[in-house]
C-alpha atoms as a PDB file:
ATOM      1  CA  MET A   1       0.000   0.000   0.000  1.00  0.00           C
ATOM      2  CA  PRO A   2       1.335   3.476  -0.853  1.00  0.00           C
ATOM      3  CA  SER A   3       2.212   5.884   1.946  1.00  0.00           C
ATOM      4  CA  PRO A   4      -0.714   7.704   3.617  1.00  0.00           C
ATOM      5  CA  ASN A   5       0.522  10.997   2.152  1.00  0.00           C
ATOM      6  CA  ARG A   6       0.629   9.629  -1.386  1.00  0.00           C
ATOM      7  CA  LEU A   7      -2.734   7.910  -1.019  1.00  0.00           C
ATOM      8  CA  ALA A   8      -4.255  11.099   0.441  1.00  0.00           C
ATOM      9  CA  TRP A   9      -2.880  13.187  -2.419  1.00  0.00           C
ATOM     10  CA  SER A  10      -4.228  10.696  -4.953  1.00  0.00           C
ATOM     11  CA  ALA A  11      -7.633  10.689  -3.219  1.00  0.00           C
ATOM     12  CA  THR A  12      -7.644  14.494  -3.218  1.00  0.00           C
ATOM     13  CA  ILE A  13      -6.848  14.669  -6.941  1.00  0.00           C
ATOM     14  CA  HIS A  14      -9.578  12.088  -7.566  1.00  0.00           C
ATOM     15  CA  CYS A  15     -12.054  14.178  -5.572  1.00  0.00           C
ATOM     16  CA  LEU A  16     -10.920  17.381  -7.260  1.00  0.00           C
ATOM     17  CA  THR A  17     -11.442  15.813 -10.680  1.00  0.00           C
ATOM     18  CA  GLY A  18     -15.007  14.729  -9.963  1.00  0.00           C
ATOM     19  CA  CYS A  19     -15.862  17.992  -8.233  1.00  0.00           C
ATOM     20  CA  ALA A  20     -14.356  20.076 -11.026  1.00  0.00           C
ATOM     21  CA  ILE A  21     -16.193  18.184 -13.772  1.00  0.00           C
ATOM     22  CA  GLY A  22     -19.507  18.440 -11.932  1.00  0.00           C
ATOM     23  CA  GLU A  23     -19.111  22.032 -10.827  1.00  0.00           C
ATOM     24  CA  ILE A  24     -17.915  23.345 -14.146  1.00  0.00           C
ATOM     25  CA  LEU A  25     -20.695  21.541 -15.993  1.00  0.00           C
ATOM     26  CA  GLY A  26     -23.302  22.684 -13.467  1.00  0.00           C
ATOM     27  CA  LEU A  27     -22.183  26.307 -13.414  1.00  0.00           C
ATOM     28  CA  VAL A  28     -21.824  26.479 -17.198  1.00  0.00           C
ATOM     29  CA  ILE A  29     -25.357  25.121 -17.650  1.00  0.00           C
ATOM     30  CA  ALA A  30     -26.820  27.374 -14.960  1.00  0.00           C
ATOM     31  CA  THR A  31     -24.974  30.464 -16.212  1.00  0.00           C
ATOM     32  CA  ALA A  32     -26.013  29.816 -19.806  1.00  0.00           C
ATOM     33  CA  LEU A  33     -29.634  29.494 -18.644  1.00  0.00           C
ATOM     34  CA  GLY A  34     -29.408  32.656 -16.541  1.00  0.00           C
ATOM     35  CA  TRP A  35     -30.228  30.903 -13.267  1.00  0.00           C
ATOM     36  CA  ASP A  36     -29.942  32.637  -9.896  1.00  0.00           C
ATOM     37  CA  ASP A  37     -27.194  31.744  -7.400  1.00  0.00           C
ATOM     38  CA  LEU A  38     -29.039  29.126  -5.326  1.00  0.00           C
ATOM     39  CA  PRO A  39     -30.218  26.857  -8.153  1.00  0.00           C
ATOM     40  CA  SER A  40     -26.840  27.305  -9.880  1.00  0.00           C
ATOM     41  CA  LEU A  41     -24.964  26.175  -6.782  1.00  0.00           C
ATOM     42  CA  LEU A  42     -27.356  23.299  -6.103  1.00  0.00           C
ATOM     43  CA  LEU A  43     -26.897  21.982  -9.645  1.00  0.00           C
ATOM     44  CA  ALA A  44     -23.109  22.384  -9.461  1.00  0.00           C
ATOM     45  CA  ILE A  45     -22.876  20.676  -6.059  1.00  0.00           C
ATOM     46  CA  GLY A  46     -25.224  17.867  -7.100  1.00  0.00           C
ATOM     47  CA  LEU A  47     -23.216  17.183 -10.247  1.00  0.00           C
ATOM     48  CA  ALA A  48     -19.956  17.320  -8.271  1.00  0.00           C
ATOM     49  CA  PHE A  49     -21.218  14.475  -6.083  1.00  0.00           C
ATOM     50  CA  VAL A  50     -22.516  12.520  -9.100  1.00  0.00           C
ATOM     51  CA  PHE A  51     -19.225  12.768 -10.978  1.00  0.00           C
ATOM     52  CA  GLY A  52     -17.153  12.185  -7.837  1.00  0.00           C
ATOM     53  CA  TYR A  53     -19.014   8.980  -7.056  1.00  0.00           C
ATOM     54  CA  ALA A  54     -19.002   7.914 -10.723  1.00  0.00           C
ATOM     55  CA  LEU A  55     -15.206   8.170 -10.895  1.00  0.00           C
ATOM     56  CA  THR A  56     -15.003   5.672  -8.044  1.00  0.00           C
ATOM     57  CA  ILE A  57     -17.825   3.375  -9.162  1.00  0.00           C
ATOM     58  CA  ARG A  58     -16.786   2.966 -12.796  1.00  0.00           C
ATOM     59  CA  PRO A  59     -13.443   1.178 -12.279  1.00  0.00           C
ATOM     60  CA  LEU A  60     -14.859  -0.933  -9.454  1.00  0.00           C
ATOM     61  CA  VAL A  61     -17.693  -2.181 -11.665  1.00  0.00           C
ATOM     62  CA  ALA A  62     -15.237  -2.669 -14.548  1.00  0.00           C
ATOM     63  CA  SER A  63     -13.167  -4.902 -12.248  1.00  0.00           C
ATOM     64  CA  GLY A  64     -16.207  -7.117 -11.631  1.00  0.00           C
ATOM     65  CA  MET A  65     -17.714  -5.606  -8.488  1.00  0.00           C
ATOM     66  CA  PRO A  66     -21.528  -5.541  -8.509  1.00  0.00           C
ATOM     67  CA  LEU A  67     -22.955  -2.025  -8.971  1.00  0.00           C
ATOM     68  CA  PRO A  68     -24.803  -1.879  -5.615  1.00  0.00           C
ATOM     69  CA  ARG A  69     -21.633  -2.829  -3.739  1.00  0.00           C
ATOM     70  CA  ALA A  70     -19.537  -0.358  -5.748  1.00  0.00           C
ATOM     71  CA  GLY A  71     -22.103   2.353  -5.009  1.00  0.00           C
ATOM     72  CA  ARG A  72     -21.995   1.683  -1.275  1.00  0.00           C
ATOM     73  CA  LEU A  73     -18.198   1.714  -1.361  1.00  0.00           C
ATOM     74  CA  ALA A  74     -18.171   5.024  -3.245  1.00  0.00           C
ATOM     75  CA  LEU A  75     -20.543   6.558  -0.698  1.00  0.00           C
ATOM     76  CA  ALA A  76     -18.372   5.342   2.162  1.00  0.00           C
ATOM     77  CA  SER A  77     -15.080   6.384   0.614  1.00  0.00           C
ATOM     78  CA  ASP A  78     -15.921   9.697  -1.066  1.00  0.00           C
ATOM     79  CA  THR A  79     -18.714  11.479   0.796  1.00  0.00           C
ATOM     80  CA  LEU A  80     -16.668  13.356   3.408  1.00  0.00           C
ATOM     81  CA  SER A  81     -14.003  14.382   0.898  1.00  0.00           C
ATOM     82  CA  ILE A  82     -16.530  15.651  -1.660  1.00  0.00           C
ATOM     83  CA  ALA A  83     -18.576  17.408   1.022  1.00  0.00           C
ATOM     84  CA  THR A  84     -15.468  19.139   2.378  1.00  0.00           C
ATOM     85  CA  MET A  85     -14.435  20.244  -1.061  1.00  0.00           C
ATOM     86  CA  GLU A  86     -17.924  21.492  -1.937  1.00  0.00           C
ATOM     87  CA  ILE A  87     -18.388  23.443   1.301  1.00  0.00           C
ATOM     88  CA  VAL A  88     -15.042  25.207   0.912  1.00  0.00           C
ATOM     89  CA  ASP A  89     -15.401  25.763  -2.817  1.00  0.00           C
ATOM     90  CA  THR A  90     -18.927  27.179  -2.537  1.00  0.00           C
ATOM     91  CA  ALA A  91     -17.997  29.466   0.348  1.00  0.00           C
ATOM     92  CA  ILE A  92     -15.078  30.871  -1.624  1.00  0.00           C
ATOM     93  CA  LEU A  93     -17.164  31.398  -4.748  1.00  0.00           C
ATOM     94  CA  LEU A  94     -19.707  33.289  -2.667  1.00  0.00           C
ATOM     95  CA  MET A  95     -16.977  35.441  -1.069  1.00  0.00           C
ATOM     96  CA  ILE A  96     -15.382  36.540  -4.344  1.00  0.00           C
ATOM     97  CA  PRO A  97     -17.176  39.722  -5.408  1.00  0.00           C
ATOM     98  CA  GLY A  98     -18.947  39.236  -8.735  1.00  0.00           C
ATOM     99  CA  ALA A  99     -17.959  35.588  -9.167  1.00  0.00           C
ATOM    100  CA  MET A 100     -21.509  34.251  -9.221  1.00  0.00           C
ATOM    101  CA  ALA A 101     -22.678  37.010 -11.587  1.00  0.00           C
ATOM    102  CA  ALA A 102     -19.786  36.598 -14.034  1.00  0.00           C
ATOM    103  CA  GLY A 103     -20.626  35.335 -17.500  1.00  0.00           C
ATOM    104  CA  LEU A 104     -18.986  32.414 -19.267  1.00  0.00           C
ATOM    105  CA  ALA A 105     -16.768  34.747 -21.315  1.00  0.00           C
ATOM    106  CA  ASP A 106     -15.624  36.621 -18.204  1.00  0.00           C
ATOM    107  CA  PRO A 107     -12.168  35.652 -16.846  1.00  0.00           C
ATOM    108  CA  LEU A 108     -13.623  36.233 -13.359  1.00  0.00           C
ATOM    109  CA  PHE A 109     -15.928  33.214 -13.852  1.00  0.00           C
ATOM    110  CA  TRP A 110     -13.063  30.854 -14.697  1.00  0.00           C
ATOM    111  CA  GLY A 111     -10.500  32.420 -12.369  1.00  0.00           C
ATOM    112  CA  SER A 112     -12.841  32.318  -9.376  1.00  0.00           C
ATOM    113  CA  LEU A 113     -13.695  28.701 -10.065  1.00  0.00           C
ATOM    114  CA  ALA A 114     -10.014  27.734 -10.378  1.00  0.00           C
ATOM    115  CA  VAL A 115      -9.057  29.525  -7.157  1.00  0.00           C
ATOM    116  CA  ALA A 116     -12.011  28.079  -5.251  1.00  0.00           C
ATOM    117  CA  LEU A 117     -11.323  24.516  -6.422  1.00  0.00           C
ATOM    118  CA  GLY A 118      -7.601  24.844  -5.680  1.00  0.00           C
ATOM    119  CA  ILE A 119      -8.183  26.034  -2.125  1.00  0.00           C
ATOM    120  CA  ALA A 120     -10.847  23.381  -1.611  1.00  0.00           C
ATOM    121  CA  ALA A 121      -8.359  20.692  -2.659  1.00  0.00           C
ATOM    122  CA  LEU A 122      -5.823  21.993  -0.134  1.00  0.00           C
ATOM    123  CA  VAL A 123      -8.463  21.753   2.606  1.00  0.00           C
ATOM    124  CA  ALA A 124      -9.622  18.293   1.475  1.00  0.00           C
ATOM    125  CA  TYR A 125      -6.090  16.820   1.557  1.00  0.00           C
ATOM    126  CA  PRO A 126      -5.796  16.630   5.376  1.00  0.00           C
ATOM    127  CA  VAL A 127      -9.352  15.285   5.546  1.00  0.00           C
ATOM    128  CA  ASN A 128      -8.426  12.499   3.120  1.00  0.00           C
ATOM    129  CA  ARG A 129      -5.197  11.789   5.000  1.00  0.00           C
ATOM    130  CA  TRP A 130      -7.086  11.595   8.300  1.00  0.00           C
ATOM    131  CA  LEU A 131      -9.604   9.161   6.766  1.00  0.00           C
ATOM    132  CA  ILE A 132      -6.863   6.996   5.244  1.00  0.00           C
ATOM    133  CA  LEU A 133      -4.954   6.767   8.536  1.00  0.00           C
ATOM    134  CA  ARG A 134      -8.146   5.369  10.066  1.00  0.00           C
ATOM    135  CA  GLY A 135      -8.640   2.836   7.261  1.00  0.00           C
ATOM    136  CA  GLN A 136     -11.498   4.852   5.782  1.00  0.00           C
ATOM    137  CA  GLY A 137     -11.944   7.056   2.718  1.00  0.00           C
ATOM    138  CA  HIS A 138      -9.969   5.937  -0.300  1.00  0.00           C
ATOM    139  CA  ALA A 139      -8.215   3.318   1.808  1.00  0.00           C
ATOM    140  CA  LEU A 140     -11.474   1.369   1.384  1.00  0.00           C
ATOM    141  CA  VAL A 141     -11.283   1.569  -2.409  1.00  0.00           C
ATOM    142  CA  HIS A 142      -7.596   0.673  -2.414  1.00  0.00           C
ATOM    143  CA  GLU A 143      -8.304  -2.258  -0.132  1.00  0.00           C
ATOM    144  CA  HIS A 144     -10.849  -3.691  -2.582  1.00  0.00           C
ATOM    145  CA  HIS A 145      -8.917  -3.155  -5.773  1.00  0.00           C
ATOM    146  CA  PRO A 146      -5.443  -1.569  -5.551  1.00  0.00           C
ATOM    147  CA  ALA A 147      -5.138  -1.052  -9.312  1.00  0.00           C
ATOM    148  CA  VAL A 148      -8.240   1.160  -9.248  1.00  0.00           C
ATOM    149  CA  HIS A 149      -6.582   3.650  -6.958  1.00  0.00           C
ATOM    150  CA  ASP A 150      -3.250   3.611  -8.720  1.00  0.00           C
ATOM    151  CA  ARG A 151      -4.933   5.022 -11.848  1.00  0.00           C
ATOM    152  CA  HIS A 152      -6.101   8.177  -9.997  1.00  0.00           C
END
């Protein structure tokens, strides 16, 4: 098993990837449709969880694990990391003046999102490390199929 630091970093990058895909997609859709802040954030957060879980479930199912079991494992391994990242990311987006009102062509939209996701990843890293040291989080995924985690 890789070191807790390496596993935590890998878990954080995995979480960041799912969160970024979901958030960017959600905010692009909501911005293009002219939605207000609350529905925009709810869509972005919801899609961040969907994509975060999907990135864990897909390789587990591909390795032969039944979908219900892979889903339960994804919930157990990813929920706290994704929630941490989404809380931090959303708070930062709301604190940056004009970020939620910026259009898709505005550098403020993309810059705010990049800064918020980057800071959220830095906050999620110690959470993932703490989980891994307790045999939780992505340690659960690694335990069931080491090759799955090594790809993240």
